[in-house]
Amino acid sequence: IEVVLNNTFYNVVDMKNLGLTNDKEVLVPVEAPYGSCACTLGRKKF
């Protein structure tokens, strides 16, 4: 079995200048670059 997970990261929006706190309630996705993790795993007998 091969699995590849292409990651999307989110950053918390800083709302201090708007007079608000933001406890991880409003986030924006990081457009690029993306992270990626991949692994192939198999049975020993195979």
PDB file of all heavy atoms in Angstrom:
ATOM      1  N   ILE A   1       0.839  -1.193   0.000  1.00  0.00           N
ATOM      2  CA  ILE A   1       0.000   0.000   0.000  1.00  0.00           C
ATOM      3  C   ILE A   1       0.876   1.246   0.000  1.00  0.00           C
ATOM      4  O   ILE A   1       1.807   1.369   0.796  1.00  0.00           O
ATOM      5  CB  ILE A   1      -0.987   0.006   1.182  1.00  0.00           C
ATOM      6  CG1 ILE A   1      -1.850   1.269   1.157  1.00  0.00           C
ATOM      7  CG2 ILE A   1      -0.276  -0.171   2.510  1.00  0.00           C
ATOM      8  CD1 ILE A   1      -3.011   1.232   2.123  1.00  0.00           C
ATOM      9  N   GLU A   2       0.584   2.138  -0.925  1.00  0.00           N
ATOM     10  CA  GLU A   2       1.279   3.423  -1.037  1.00  0.00           C
ATOM     11  C   GLU A   2       0.312   4.531  -0.639  1.00  0.00           C
ATOM     12  O   GLU A   2      -0.831   4.564  -1.091  1.00  0.00           O
ATOM     13  CB  GLU A   2       1.749   3.651  -2.478  1.00  0.00           C
ATOM     14  CG  GLU A   2       2.345   5.029  -2.720  1.00  0.00           C
ATOM     15  CD  GLU A   2       2.559   5.325  -4.202  1.00  0.00           C
ATOM     16  OE1 GLU A   2       2.190   4.475  -5.035  1.00  0.00           O
ATOM     17  OE2 GLU A   2       3.073   6.421  -4.518  1.00  0.00           O
ATOM     18  N   VAL A   3       0.762   5.438   0.218  1.00  0.00           N
ATOM     19  CA  VAL A   3      -0.052   6.576   0.626  1.00  0.00           C
ATOM     20  C   VAL A   3       0.762   7.851   0.457  1.00  0.00           C
ATOM     21  O   VAL A   3       1.916   7.922   0.900  1.00  0.00           O
ATOM     22  CB  VAL A   3      -0.538   6.453   2.084  1.00  0.00           C
ATOM     23  CG1 VAL A   3      -1.267   7.725   2.518  1.00  0.00           C
ATOM     24  CG2 VAL A   3      -1.454   5.246   2.250  1.00  0.00           C
ATOM     25  N   VAL A   4       0.166   8.839  -0.177  1.00  0.00           N
ATOM     26  CA  VAL A   4       0.749  10.172  -0.305  1.00  0.00           C
ATOM     27  C   VAL A   4      -0.249  11.164   0.278  1.00  0.00           C
ATOM     28  O   VAL A   4      -1.431  11.135  -0.084  1.00  0.00           O
ATOM     29  CB  VAL A   4       1.043  10.533  -1.776  1.00  0.00           C
ATOM     30  CG1 VAL A   4       1.647  11.937  -1.867  1.00  0.00           C
ATOM     31  CG2 VAL A   4       1.962   9.501  -2.417  1.00  0.00           C
ATOM     32  N   LEU A   5       0.217  12.005   1.191  1.00  0.00           N
ATOM     33  CA  LEU A   5      -0.638  13.016   1.793  1.00  0.00           C
ATOM     34  C   LEU A   5      -0.037  14.386   1.499  1.00  0.00           C
ATOM     35  O   LEU A   5       1.012  14.749   2.035  1.00  0.00           O
ATOM     36  CB  LEU A   5      -0.754  12.791   3.300  1.00  0.00           C
ATOM     37  CG  LEU A   5      -1.760  13.658   4.049  1.00  0.00           C
ATOM     38  CD1 LEU A   5      -3.165  13.477   3.494  1.00  0.00           C
ATOM     39  CD2 LEU A   5      -1.744  13.334   5.542  1.00  0.00           C
ATOM     40  N   ASN A   6      -0.680  15.113   0.592  1.00  0.00           N
ATOM     41  CA  ASN A   6      -0.251  16.469   0.254  1.00  0.00           C
ATOM     42  C   ASN A   6      -0.915  17.438   1.221  1.00  0.00           C
ATOM     43  O   ASN A   6      -2.136  17.544   1.284  1.00  0.00           O
ATOM     44  CB  ASN A   6      -0.631  16.800  -1.191  1.00  0.00           C
ATOM     45  CG  ASN A   6       0.089  15.912  -2.183  1.00  0.00           C
ATOM     46  OD1 ASN A   6       1.302  15.727  -2.091  1.00  0.00           O
ATOM     47  ND2 ASN A   6      -0.631  15.336  -3.132  1.00  0.00           N
ATOM     48  N   ASN A   7      -0.101  18.154   1.974  1.00  0.00           N
ATOM     49  CA  ASN A   7      -0.580  18.886   3.128  1.00  0.00           C
ATOM     50  C   ASN A   7      -1.034  20.298   2.782  1.00  0.00           C
ATOM     51  O   ASN A   7      -0.445  20.984   1.940  1.00  0.00           O
ATOM     52  CB  ASN A   7       0.516  18.990   4.194  1.00  0.00           C
ATOM     53  CG  ASN A   7       1.267  17.686   4.361  1.00  0.00           C
ATOM     54  OD1 ASN A   7       0.721  16.619   4.108  1.00  0.00           O
ATOM     55  ND2 ASN A   7       2.511  17.763   4.777  1.00  0.00           N
ATOM     56  N   THR A   8      -2.063  20.753   3.466  1.00  0.00           N
ATOM     57  CA  THR A   8      -2.503  22.144   3.421  1.00  0.00           C
ATOM     58  C   THR A   8      -2.363  22.721   4.824  1.00  0.00           C
ATOM     59  O   THR A   8      -2.903  22.158   5.781  1.00  0.00           O
ATOM     60  CB  THR A   8      -3.968  22.259   2.964  1.00  0.00           C
ATOM     61  OG1 THR A   8      -4.103  21.684   1.663  1.00  0.00           O
ATOM     62  CG2 THR A   8      -4.405  23.718   2.914  1.00  0.00           C
ATOM     63  N   PHE A   9      -1.625  23.826   4.941  1.00  0.00           N
ATOM     64  CA  PHE A   9      -1.404  24.451   6.239  1.00  0.00           C
ATOM     65  C   PHE A   9      -2.285  25.693   6.384  1.00  0.00           C
ATOM     66  O   PHE A   9      -2.561  26.391   5.404  1.00  0.00           O
ATOM     67  CB  PHE A   9       0.067  24.832   6.401  1.00  0.00           C
ATOM     68  CG  PHE A   9       0.993  23.657   6.327  1.00  0.00           C
ATOM     69  CD1 PHE A   9       1.806  23.464   5.222  1.00  0.00           C
ATOM     70  CD2 PHE A   9       1.053  22.733   7.353  1.00  0.00           C
ATOM     71  CE1 PHE A   9       2.657  22.376   5.139  1.00  0.00           C
ATOM     72  CE2 PHE A   9       1.897  21.635   7.277  1.00  0.00           C
ATOM     73  CZ  PHE A   9       2.704  21.466   6.180  1.00  0.00           C
ATOM     74  N   TYR A  10      -2.699  25.970   7.632  1.00  0.00           N
ATOM     75  CA  TYR A  10      -3.530  27.140   7.927  1.00  0.00           C
ATOM     76  C   TYR A  10      -2.840  27.996   8.980  1.00  0.00           C
ATOM     77  O   TYR A  10      -2.312  27.478   9.974  1.00  0.00           O
ATOM     78  CB  TYR A  10      -4.906  26.707   8.447  1.00  0.00           C
ATOM     79  CG  TYR A  10      -5.806  26.117   7.387  1.00  0.00           C
ATOM     80  CD1 TYR A  10      -5.702  24.767   7.035  1.00  0.00           C
ATOM     81  CD2 TYR A  10      -6.752  26.891   6.734  1.00  0.00           C
ATOM     82  CE1 TYR A  10      -6.528  24.215   6.065  1.00  0.00           C
ATOM     83  CE2 TYR A  10      -7.581  26.348   5.760  1.00  0.00           C
ATOM     84  CZ  TYR A  10      -7.468  25.010   5.437  1.00  0.00           C
ATOM     85  OH  TYR A  10      -8.284  24.481   4.473  1.00  0.00           O
ATOM     86  N   ASN A  11      -2.861  29.301   8.770  1.00  0.00           N
ATOM     87  CA  ASN A  11      -2.320  30.258   9.733  1.00  0.00           C
ATOM     88  C   ASN A  11      -3.447  31.062  10.366  1.00  0.00           C
ATOM     89  O   ASN A  11      -4.404  31.459   9.683  1.00  0.00           O
ATOM     90  CB  ASN A  11      -1.335  31.217   9.059  1.00  0.00           C
ATOM     91  CG  ASN A  11      -0.034  30.522   8.682  1.00  0.00           C
ATOM     92  OD1 ASN A  11       0.367  29.544   9.319  1.00  0.00           O
ATOM     93  ND2 ASN A  11       0.629  31.017   7.656  1.00  0.00           N
ATOM     94  N   VAL A  12      -3.323  31.307  11.663  1.00  0.00           N
ATOM     95  CA  VAL A  12      -4.319  32.106  12.376  1.00  0.00           C
ATOM     96  C   VAL A  12      -4.176  33.568  11.957  1.00  0.00           C
ATOM     97  O   VAL A  12      -3.073  34.107  11.890  1.00  0.00           O
ATOM     98  CB  VAL A  12      -4.140  31.969  13.897  1.00  0.00           C
ATOM     99  CG1 VAL A  12      -5.149  32.848  14.638  1.00  0.00           C
ATOM    100  CG2 VAL A  12      -4.297  30.514  14.316  1.00  0.00           C
ATOM    101  N   VAL A  13      -5.296  34.217  11.669  1.00  0.00           N
ATOM    102  CA  VAL A  13      -5.298  35.626  11.284  1.00  0.00           C
ATOM    103  C   VAL A  13      -5.086  36.492  12.528  1.00  0.00           C
ATOM    104  O   VAL A  13      -5.775  36.315  13.544  1.00  0.00           O
ATOM    105  CB  VAL A  13      -6.624  36.001  10.592  1.00  0.00           C
ATOM    106  CG1 VAL A  13      -6.644  37.494  10.262  1.00  0.00           C
ATOM    107  CG2 VAL A  13      -6.834  35.173   9.338  1.00  0.00           C
ATOM    108  N   ASP A  14      -4.114  37.428  12.458  1.00  0.00           N
ATOM    109  CA  ASP A  14      -3.856  38.358  13.556  1.00  0.00           C
ATOM    110  C   ASP A  14      -4.875  39.494  13.497  1.00  0.00           C
ATOM    111  O   ASP A  14      -4.880  40.290  12.559  1.00  0.00           O
ATOM    112  CB  ASP A  14      -2.437  38.904  13.442  1.00  0.00           C
ATOM    113  CG  ASP A  14      -2.050  39.761  14.636  1.00  0.00           C
ATOM    114  OD1 ASP A  14      -2.930  40.025  15.493  1.00  0.00           O
ATOM    115  OD2 ASP A  14      -0.882  40.184  14.712  1.00  0.00           O
ATOM    116  N   MET A  15      -5.754  39.571  14.505  1.00  0.00           N
ATOM    117  CA  MET A  15      -6.824  40.567  14.507  1.00  0.00           C
ATOM    118  C   MET A  15      -6.629  41.634  15.579  1.00  0.00           C
ATOM    119  O   MET A  15      -7.569  42.366  15.921  1.00  0.00           O
ATOM    120  CB  MET A  15      -8.178  39.873  14.707  1.00  0.00           C
ATOM    121  CG  MET A  15      -8.605  39.014  13.536  1.00  0.00           C
ATOM    122  SD  MET A  15     -10.302  38.425  13.714  1.00  0.00           S
ATOM    123  CE  MET A  15     -10.575  37.705  12.086  1.00  0.00           C
ATOM    124  N   LYS A  16      -5.397  41.744  16.095  1.00  0.00           N
ATOM    125  CA  LYS A  16      -5.143  42.741  17.144  1.00  0.00           C
ATOM    126  C   LYS A  16      -5.411  44.151  16.642  1.00  0.00           C
ATOM    127  O   LYS A  16      -5.930  44.996  17.371  1.00  0.00           O
ATOM    128  CB  LYS A  16      -3.701  42.616  17.632  1.00  0.00           C
ATOM    129  CG  LYS A  16      -3.423  41.329  18.395  1.00  0.00           C
ATOM    130  CD  LYS A  16      -1.963  41.248  18.818  1.00  0.00           C
ATOM    131  CE  LYS A  16      -1.691  39.928  19.538  1.00  0.00           C
ATOM    132  NZ  LYS A  16      -0.243  39.802  19.901  1.00  0.00           N
ATOM    133  N   ASN A  17      -5.055  44.460  15.404  1.00  0.00           N
ATOM    134  CA  ASN A  17      -5.285  45.797  14.854  1.00  0.00           C
ATOM    135  C   ASN A  17      -6.765  46.111  14.697  1.00  0.00           C
ATOM    136  O   ASN A  17      -7.153  47.280  14.529  1.00  0.00           O
ATOM    137  CB  ASN A  17      -4.595  45.955  13.494  1.00  0.00           C
ATOM    138  CG  ASN A  17      -3.084  45.910  13.611  1.00  0.00           C
ATOM    139  OD1 ASN A  17      -2.529  46.229  14.676  1.00  0.00           O
ATOM    140  ND2 ASN A  17      -2.409  45.513  12.552  1.00  0.00           N
ATOM    141  N   LEU A  18      -7.605  45.071  14.738  1.00  0.00           N
ATOM    142  CA  LEU A  18      -9.052  45.257  14.641  1.00  0.00           C
ATOM    143  C   LEU A  18      -9.706  45.266  16.016  1.00  0.00           C
ATOM    144  O   LEU A  18     -10.938  45.298  16.126  1.00  0.00           O
ATOM    145  CB  LEU A  18      -9.676  44.152  13.776  1.00  0.00           C
ATOM    146  CG  LEU A  18      -9.148  44.055  12.344  1.00  0.00           C
ATOM    147  CD1 LEU A  18      -9.747  42.839  11.651  1.00  0.00           C
ATOM    148  CD2 LEU A  18      -9.477  45.319  11.563  1.00  0.00           C
ATOM    149  N   GLY A  19      -8.846  45.232  17.063  1.00  0.00           N
ATOM    150  CA  GLY A  19      -9.365  45.257  18.416  1.00  0.00           C
ATOM    151  C   GLY A  19      -9.974  43.949  18.866  1.00  0.00           C
ATOM    152  O   GLY A  19     -10.793  43.921  19.795  1.00  0.00           O
ATOM    153  N   LEU A  20      -9.592  42.842  18.231  1.00  0.00           N
ATOM    154  CA  LEU A  20     -10.163  41.546  18.549  1.00  0.00           C
ATOM    155  C   LEU A  20      -9.057  40.536  18.837  1.00  0.00           C
ATOM    156  O   LEU A  20      -7.927  40.665  18.362  1.00  0.00           O
ATOM    157  CB  LEU A  20     -11.011  41.028  17.380  1.00  0.00           C
ATOM    158  CG  LEU A  20     -12.222  41.860  16.965  1.00  0.00           C
ATOM    159  CD1 LEU A  20     -12.814  41.310  15.678  1.00  0.00           C
ATOM    160  CD2 LEU A  20     -13.277  41.864  18.070  1.00  0.00           C
ATOM    161  N   THR A  21      -9.399  39.556  19.647  1.00  0.00           N
ATOM    162  CA  THR A  21      -8.526  38.396  19.799  1.00  0.00           C
ATOM    163  C   THR A  21      -9.038  37.301  18.871  1.00  0.00           C
ATOM    164  O   THR A  21     -10.217  37.258  18.523  1.00  0.00           O
ATOM    165  CB  THR A  21      -8.536  37.892  21.244  1.00  0.00           C
ATOM    166  OG1 THR A  21      -9.867  37.523  21.606  1.00  0.00           O
ATOM    167  CG2 THR A  21      -8.015  38.951  22.197  1.00  0.00           C
ATOM    168  N   ASN A  22      -8.150  36.445  18.464  1.00  0.00           N
ATOM    169  CA  ASN A  22      -8.531  35.368  17.542  1.00  0.00           C
ATOM    170  C   ASN A  22      -7.947  34.070  18.056  1.00  0.00           C
ATOM    171  O   ASN A  22      -6.793  33.742  17.816  1.00  0.00           O
ATOM    172  CB  ASN A  22      -8.016  35.659  16.127  1.00  0.00           C
ATOM    173  CG  ASN A  22      -8.475  34.619  15.119  1.00  0.00           C
ATOM    174  OD1 ASN A  22      -9.358  33.818  15.407  1.00  0.00           O
ATOM    175  ND2 ASN A  22      -7.872  34.613  13.958  1.00  0.00           N
ATOM    176  N   ASP A  23      -8.758  33.359  18.805  1.00  0.00           N
ATOM    177  CA  ASP A  23      -8.313  32.105  19.408  1.00  0.00           C
ATOM    178  C   ASP A  23      -8.528  30.954  18.423  1.00  0.00           C
ATOM    179  O   ASP A  23      -9.375  30.081  18.631  1.00  0.00           O
ATOM    180  CB  ASP A  23      -9.072  31.858  20.705  1.00  0.00           C
ATOM    181  CG  ASP A  23      -8.538  30.639  21.464  1.00  0.00           C
ATOM    182  OD1 ASP A  23      -7.383  30.249  21.184  1.00  0.00           O
ATOM    183  OD2 ASP A  23      -9.277  30.090  22.289  1.00  0.00           O
ATOM    184  N   LYS A  24      -7.765  30.982  17.334  1.00  0.00           N
ATOM    185  CA  LYS A  24      -7.821  29.928  16.312  1.00  0.00           C
ATOM    186  C   LYS A  24      -9.232  29.741  15.763  1.00  0.00           C
ATOM    187  O   LYS A  24      -9.688  28.618  15.536  1.00  0.00           O
ATOM    188  CB  LYS A  24      -7.292  28.606  16.877  1.00  0.00           C
ATOM    189  CG  LYS A  24      -5.846  28.665  17.338  1.00  0.00           C
ATOM    190  CD  LYS A  24      -5.384  27.330  17.871  1.00  0.00           C
ATOM    191  CE  LYS A  24      -3.947  27.405  18.371  1.00  0.00           C
ATOM    192  NZ  LYS A  24      -3.494  26.125  18.949  1.00  0.00           N
ATOM    193  N   GLU A  25      -9.931  30.865  15.567  1.00  0.00           N
ATOM    194  CA  GLU A  25     -11.288  30.800  15.036  1.00  0.00           C
ATOM    195  C   GLU A  25     -11.364  31.218  13.571  1.00  0.00           C
ATOM    196  O   GLU A  25     -12.248  30.765  12.845  1.00  0.00           O
ATOM    197  CB  GLU A  25     -12.225  31.680  15.878  1.00  0.00           C
ATOM    198  CG  GLU A  25     -12.380  31.191  17.306  1.00  0.00           C
ATOM    199  CD  GLU A  25     -13.168  32.147  18.178  1.00  0.00           C
ATOM    200  OE1 GLU A  25     -13.169  33.349  17.875  1.00  0.00           O
ATOM    201  OE2 GLU A  25     -13.775  31.683  19.149  1.00  0.00           O
ATOM    202  N   VAL A  26     -10.446  32.086  13.151  1.00  0.00           N
ATOM    203  CA  VAL A  26     -10.383  32.493  11.748  1.00  0.00           C
ATOM    204  C   VAL A  26      -8.966  32.231  11.253  1.00  0.00           C
ATOM    205  O   VAL A  26      -8.001  32.772  11.795  1.00  0.00           O
ATOM    206  CB  VAL A  26     -10.752  33.979  11.559  1.00  0.00           C
ATOM    207  CG1 VAL A  26     -10.678  34.349  10.079  1.00  0.00           C
ATOM    208  CG2 VAL A  26     -12.148  34.271  12.107  1.00  0.00           C
ATOM    209  N   LEU A  27      -8.868  31.387  10.235  1.00  0.00           N
ATOM    210  CA  LEU A  27      -7.564  31.000   9.702  1.00  0.00           C
ATOM    211  C   LEU A  27      -7.581  31.128   8.190  1.00  0.00           C
ATOM    212  O   LEU A  27      -8.644  31.105   7.558  1.00  0.00           O
ATOM    213  CB  LEU A  27      -7.207  29.562  10.093  1.00  0.00           C
ATOM    214  CG  LEU A  27      -7.236  29.210  11.578  1.00  0.00           C
ATOM    215  CD1 LEU A  27      -8.580  28.605  11.949  1.00  0.00           C
ATOM    216  CD2 LEU A  27      -6.100  28.259  11.946  1.00  0.00           C
ATOM    217  N   VAL A  28      -6.406  31.253   7.600  1.00  0.00           N
ATOM    218  CA  VAL A  28      -6.297  31.308   6.146  1.00  0.00           C
ATOM    219  C   VAL A  28      -5.334  30.214   5.693  1.00  0.00           C
ATOM    220  O   VAL A  28      -4.330  29.934   6.360  1.00  0.00           O
ATOM    221  CB  VAL A  28      -5.798  32.685   5.650  1.00  0.00           C
ATOM    222  CG1 VAL A  28      -6.828  33.742   5.915  1.00  0.00           C
ATOM    223  CG2 VAL A  28      -4.471  33.055   6.295  1.00  0.00           C
ATOM    224  N   PRO A  29      -5.637  29.574   4.563  1.00  0.00           N
ATOM    225  CA  PRO A  29      -4.737  28.540   4.060  1.00  0.00           C
ATOM    226  C   PRO A  29      -3.463  29.140   3.500  1.00  0.00           C
ATOM    227  O   PRO A  29      -3.469  30.225   2.917  1.00  0.00           O
ATOM    228  CB  PRO A  29      -5.559  27.867   2.959  1.00  0.00           C
ATOM    229  CG  PRO A  29      -6.511  28.915   2.505  1.00  0.00           C
ATOM    230  CD  PRO A  29      -6.838  29.745   3.710  1.00  0.00           C
ATOM    231  N   VAL A  30      -2.357  28.436   3.689  1.00  0.00           N
ATOM    232  CA  VAL A  30      -1.084  28.828   3.083  1.00  0.00           C
ATOM    233  C   VAL A  30      -1.104  28.361   1.641  1.00  0.00           C
ATOM    234  O   VAL A  30      -1.220  27.155   1.364  1.00  0.00           O
ATOM    235  CB  VAL A  30       0.096  28.207   3.847  1.00  0.00           C
ATOM    236  CG1 VAL A  30       1.410  28.570   3.174  1.00  0.00           C
ATOM    237  CG2 VAL A  30       0.079  28.666   5.295  1.00  0.00           C
ATOM    238  N   GLU A  31      -1.025  29.286   0.696  1.00  0.00           N
ATOM    239  CA  GLU A  31      -1.200  28.937  -0.719  1.00  0.00           C
ATOM    240  C   GLU A  31      -0.069  28.071  -1.252  1.00  0.00           C
ATOM    241  O   GLU A  31      -0.287  27.121  -2.003  1.00  0.00           O
ATOM    242  CB  GLU A  31      -1.327  30.217  -1.557  1.00  0.00           C
ATOM    243  CG  GLU A  31      -2.572  31.038  -1.225  1.00  0.00           C
ATOM    244  CD  GLU A  31      -3.855  30.294  -1.544  1.00  0.00           C
ATOM    245  OE1 GLU A  31      -3.832  29.419  -2.428  1.00  0.00           O
ATOM    246  OE2 GLU A  31      -4.877  30.566  -0.900  1.00  0.00           O
ATOM    247  N   ALA A  32       1.170  28.399  -0.901  1.00  0.00           N
ATOM    248  CA  ALA A  32       2.314  27.635  -1.410  1.00  0.00           C
ATOM    249  C   ALA A  32       3.532  28.016  -0.585  1.00  0.00           C
ATOM    250  O   ALA A  32       3.582  29.114  -0.009  1.00  0.00           O
ATOM    251  CB  ALA A  32       2.552  27.946  -2.889  1.00  0.00           C
ATOM    252  N   PRO A  33       4.549  27.159  -0.511  1.00  0.00           N
ATOM    253  CA  PRO A  33       4.584  25.794  -1.059  1.00  0.00           C
ATOM    254  C   PRO A  33       3.827  24.820  -0.170  1.00  0.00           C
ATOM    255  O   PRO A  33       3.586  25.090   1.002  1.00  0.00           O
ATOM    256  CB  PRO A  33       6.077  25.485  -1.073  1.00  0.00           C
ATOM    257  CG  PRO A  33       6.608  26.247   0.101  1.00  0.00           C
ATOM    258  CD  PRO A  33       5.800  27.522   0.153  1.00  0.00           C
ATOM    259  N   TYR A  34       3.480  23.681  -0.749  1.00  0.00           N
ATOM    260  CA  TYR A  34       2.784  22.645  -0.011  1.00  0.00           C
ATOM    261  C   TYR A  34       3.783  21.636   0.557  1.00  0.00           C
ATOM    262  O   TYR A  34       4.833  21.399  -0.023  1.00  0.00           O
ATOM    263  CB  TYR A  34       1.798  21.900  -0.924  1.00  0.00           C
ATOM    264  CG  TYR A  34       0.722  22.765  -1.510  1.00  0.00           C
ATOM    265  CD1 TYR A  34       0.766  23.154  -2.841  1.00  0.00           C
ATOM    266  CD2 TYR A  34      -0.335  23.192  -0.727  1.00  0.00           C
ATOM    267  CE1 TYR A  34      -0.226  23.946  -3.387  1.00  0.00           C
ATOM    268  CE2 TYR A  34      -1.338  23.990  -1.258  1.00  0.00           C
ATOM    269  CZ  TYR A  34      -1.284  24.371  -2.595  1.00  0.00           C
ATOM    270  OH  TYR A  34      -2.261  25.153  -3.114  1.00  0.00           O
ATOM    271  N   GLY A  35       3.402  21.041   1.667  1.00  0.00           N
ATOM    272  CA  GLY A  35       4.168  19.917   2.171  1.00  0.00           C
ATOM    273  C   GLY A  35       3.623  18.625   1.589  1.00  0.00           C
ATOM    274  O   GLY A  35       2.500  18.579   1.088  1.00  0.00           O
ATOM    275  N   SER A  36       4.408  17.570   1.662  1.00  0.00           N
ATOM    276  CA  SER A  36       3.961  16.282   1.155  1.00  0.00           C
ATOM    277  C   SER A  36       4.671  15.170   1.897  1.00  0.00           C
ATOM    278  O   SER A  36       5.884  15.240   2.122  1.00  0.00           O
ATOM    279  CB  SER A  36       4.232  16.157  -0.345  1.00  0.00           C
ATOM    280  OG  SER A  36       3.772  14.919  -0.838  1.00  0.00           O
ATOM    281  N   CYS A  37       3.914  14.160   2.303  1.00  0.00           N
ATOM    282  CA  CYS A  37       4.472  12.979   2.950  1.00  0.00           C
ATOM    283  C   CYS A  37       4.058  11.750   2.151  1.00  0.00           C
ATOM    284  O   CYS A  37       2.902  11.629   1.748  1.00  0.00           O
ATOM    285  CB  CYS A  37       3.950  12.840   4.377  1.00  0.00           C
ATOM    286  SG  CYS A  37       4.314  14.269   5.427  1.00  0.00           S
ATOM    287  N   ALA A  38       4.992  10.838   1.941  1.00  0.00           N
ATOM    288  CA  ALA A  38       4.697   9.642   1.157  1.00  0.00           C
ATOM    289  C   ALA A  38       5.399   8.442   1.769  1.00  0.00           C
ATOM    290  O   ALA A  38       6.510   8.561   2.298  1.00  0.00           O
ATOM    291  CB  ALA A  38       5.134   9.825  -0.291  1.00  0.00           C
ATOM    292  N   CYS A  39       4.734   7.302   1.708  1.00  0.00           N
ATOM    293  CA  CYS A  39       5.330   6.067   2.221  1.00  0.00           C
ATOM    294  C   CYS A  39       4.713   4.883   1.496  1.00  0.00           C
ATOM    295  O   CYS A  39       3.519   4.882   1.185  1.00  0.00           O
ATOM    296  CB  CYS A  39       5.084   5.952   3.727  1.00  0.00           C
ATOM    297  SG  CYS A  39       5.817   4.486   4.476  1.00  0.00           S
ATOM    298  N   THR A  40       5.528   3.870   1.227  1.00  0.00           N
ATOM    299  CA  THR A  40       5.057   2.602   0.680  1.00  0.00           C
ATOM    300  C   THR A  40       5.385   1.503   1.669  1.00  0.00           C
ATOM    301  O   THR A  40       6.523   1.379   2.129  1.00  0.00           O
ATOM    302  CB  THR A  40       5.715   2.301  -0.681  1.00  0.00           C
ATOM    303  OG1 THR A  40       5.399   3.354  -1.599  1.00  0.00           O
ATOM    304  CG2 THR A  40       5.203   0.991  -1.245  1.00  0.00           C
ATOM    305  N   LEU A  41       4.370   0.718   2.016  1.00  0.00           N
ATOM    306  CA  LEU A  41       4.513  -0.315   3.027  1.00  0.00           C
ATOM    307  C   LEU A  41       3.950  -1.621   2.479  1.00  0.00           C
ATOM    308  O   LEU A  41       2.915  -1.622   1.804  1.00  0.00           O
ATOM    309  CB  LEU A  41       3.750   0.092   4.289  1.00  0.00           C
ATOM    310  CG  LEU A  41       4.040  -0.648   5.590  1.00  0.00           C
ATOM    311  CD1 LEU A  41       5.475  -0.429   6.033  1.00  0.00           C
ATOM    312  CD2 LEU A  41       3.087  -0.170   6.681  1.00  0.00           C
ATOM    313  N   GLY A  42       4.636  -2.724   2.743  1.00  0.00           N
ATOM    314  CA  GLY A  42       4.176  -4.002   2.217  1.00  0.00           C
ATOM    315  C   GLY A  42       4.438  -5.139   3.177  1.00  0.00           C
ATOM    316  O   GLY A  42       5.180  -4.996   4.146  1.00  0.00           O
ATOM    317  N   ARG A  43       3.818  -6.260   2.873  1.00  0.00           N
ATOM    318  CA  ARG A  43       4.020  -7.442   3.690  1.00  0.00           C
ATOM    319  C   ARG A  43       5.381  -8.074   3.372  1.00  0.00           C
ATOM    320  O   ARG A  43       5.792  -8.139   2.212  1.00  0.00           O
ATOM    321  CB  ARG A  43       2.902  -8.454   3.444  1.00  0.00           C
ATOM    322  CG  ARG A  43       1.511  -7.893   3.724  1.00  0.00           C
ATOM    323  CD  ARG A  43       0.450  -8.959   3.576  1.00  0.00           C
ATOM    324  NE  ARG A  43      -0.882  -8.365   3.601  1.00  0.00           N
ATOM    325  CZ  ARG A  43      -1.532  -8.019   4.713  1.00  0.00           C
ATOM    326  NH1 ARG A  43      -0.952  -8.255   5.890  1.00  0.00           N
ATOM    327  NH2 ARG A  43      -2.733  -7.476   4.664  1.00  0.00           N
ATOM    328  N   LYS A  44       6.046  -8.568   4.397  1.00  0.00           N
ATOM    329  CA  LYS A  44       7.372  -9.151   4.221  1.00  0.00           C
ATOM    330  C   LYS A  44       7.347 -10.319   3.259  1.00  0.00           C
ATOM    331  O   LYS A  44       8.218 -10.465   2.413  1.00  0.00           O
ATOM    332  CB  LYS A  44       7.916  -9.588   5.582  1.00  0.00           C
ATOM    333  CG  LYS A  44       9.339 -10.115   5.535  1.00  0.00           C
ATOM    334  CD  LYS A  44       9.830 -10.496   6.935  1.00  0.00           C
ATOM    335  CE  LYS A  44      11.259 -11.031   6.877  1.00  0.00           C
ATOM    336  NZ  LYS A  44      11.739 -11.422   8.235  1.00  0.00           N
ATOM    337  N   LYS A  45       6.315 -11.156   3.360  1.00  0.00           N
ATOM    338  CA  LYS A  45       6.231 -12.338   2.498  1.00  0.00           C
ATOM    339  C   LYS A  45       6.131 -11.962   1.036  1.00  0.00           C
ATOM    340  O   LYS A  45       6.598 -12.676   0.168  1.00  0.00           O
ATOM    341  CB  LYS A  45       5.048 -13.211   2.904  1.00  0.00           C
ATOM    342  CG  LYS A  45       3.696 -12.559   2.724  1.00  0.00           C
ATOM    343  CD  LYS A  45       2.565 -13.497   3.133  1.00  0.00           C
ATOM    344  CE  LYS A  45       1.192 -12.866   2.902  1.00  0.00           C
ATOM    345  NZ  LYS A  45       0.093 -13.783   3.271  1.00  0.00           N
ATOM    346  N   PHE A  46       5.515 -10.790   0.755  1.00  0.00           N
ATOM    347  CA  PHE A  46       5.374 -10.355  -0.632  1.00  0.00           C
ATOM    348  C   PHE A  46       6.730  -9.967  -1.199  1.00  0.00           C
ATOM    349  O   PHE A  46       7.090 -10.324  -2.313  1.00  0.00           O
ATOM    350  CB  PHE A  46       4.409  -9.180  -0.713  1.00  0.00           C
ATOM    351  CG  PHE A  46       4.151  -8.720  -2.128  1.00  0.00           C
ATOM    352  CD1 PHE A  46       3.187  -9.336  -2.903  1.00  0.00           C
ATOM    353  CD2 PHE A  46       4.875  -7.674  -2.676  1.00  0.00           C
ATOM    354  CE1 PHE A  46       2.950  -8.920  -4.196  1.00  0.00           C
ATOM    355  CE2 PHE A  46       4.644  -7.252  -3.979  1.00  0.00           C
ATOM    356  CZ  PHE A  46       3.687  -7.877  -4.745  1.00  0.00           C
TER     357      PHE A  46
END
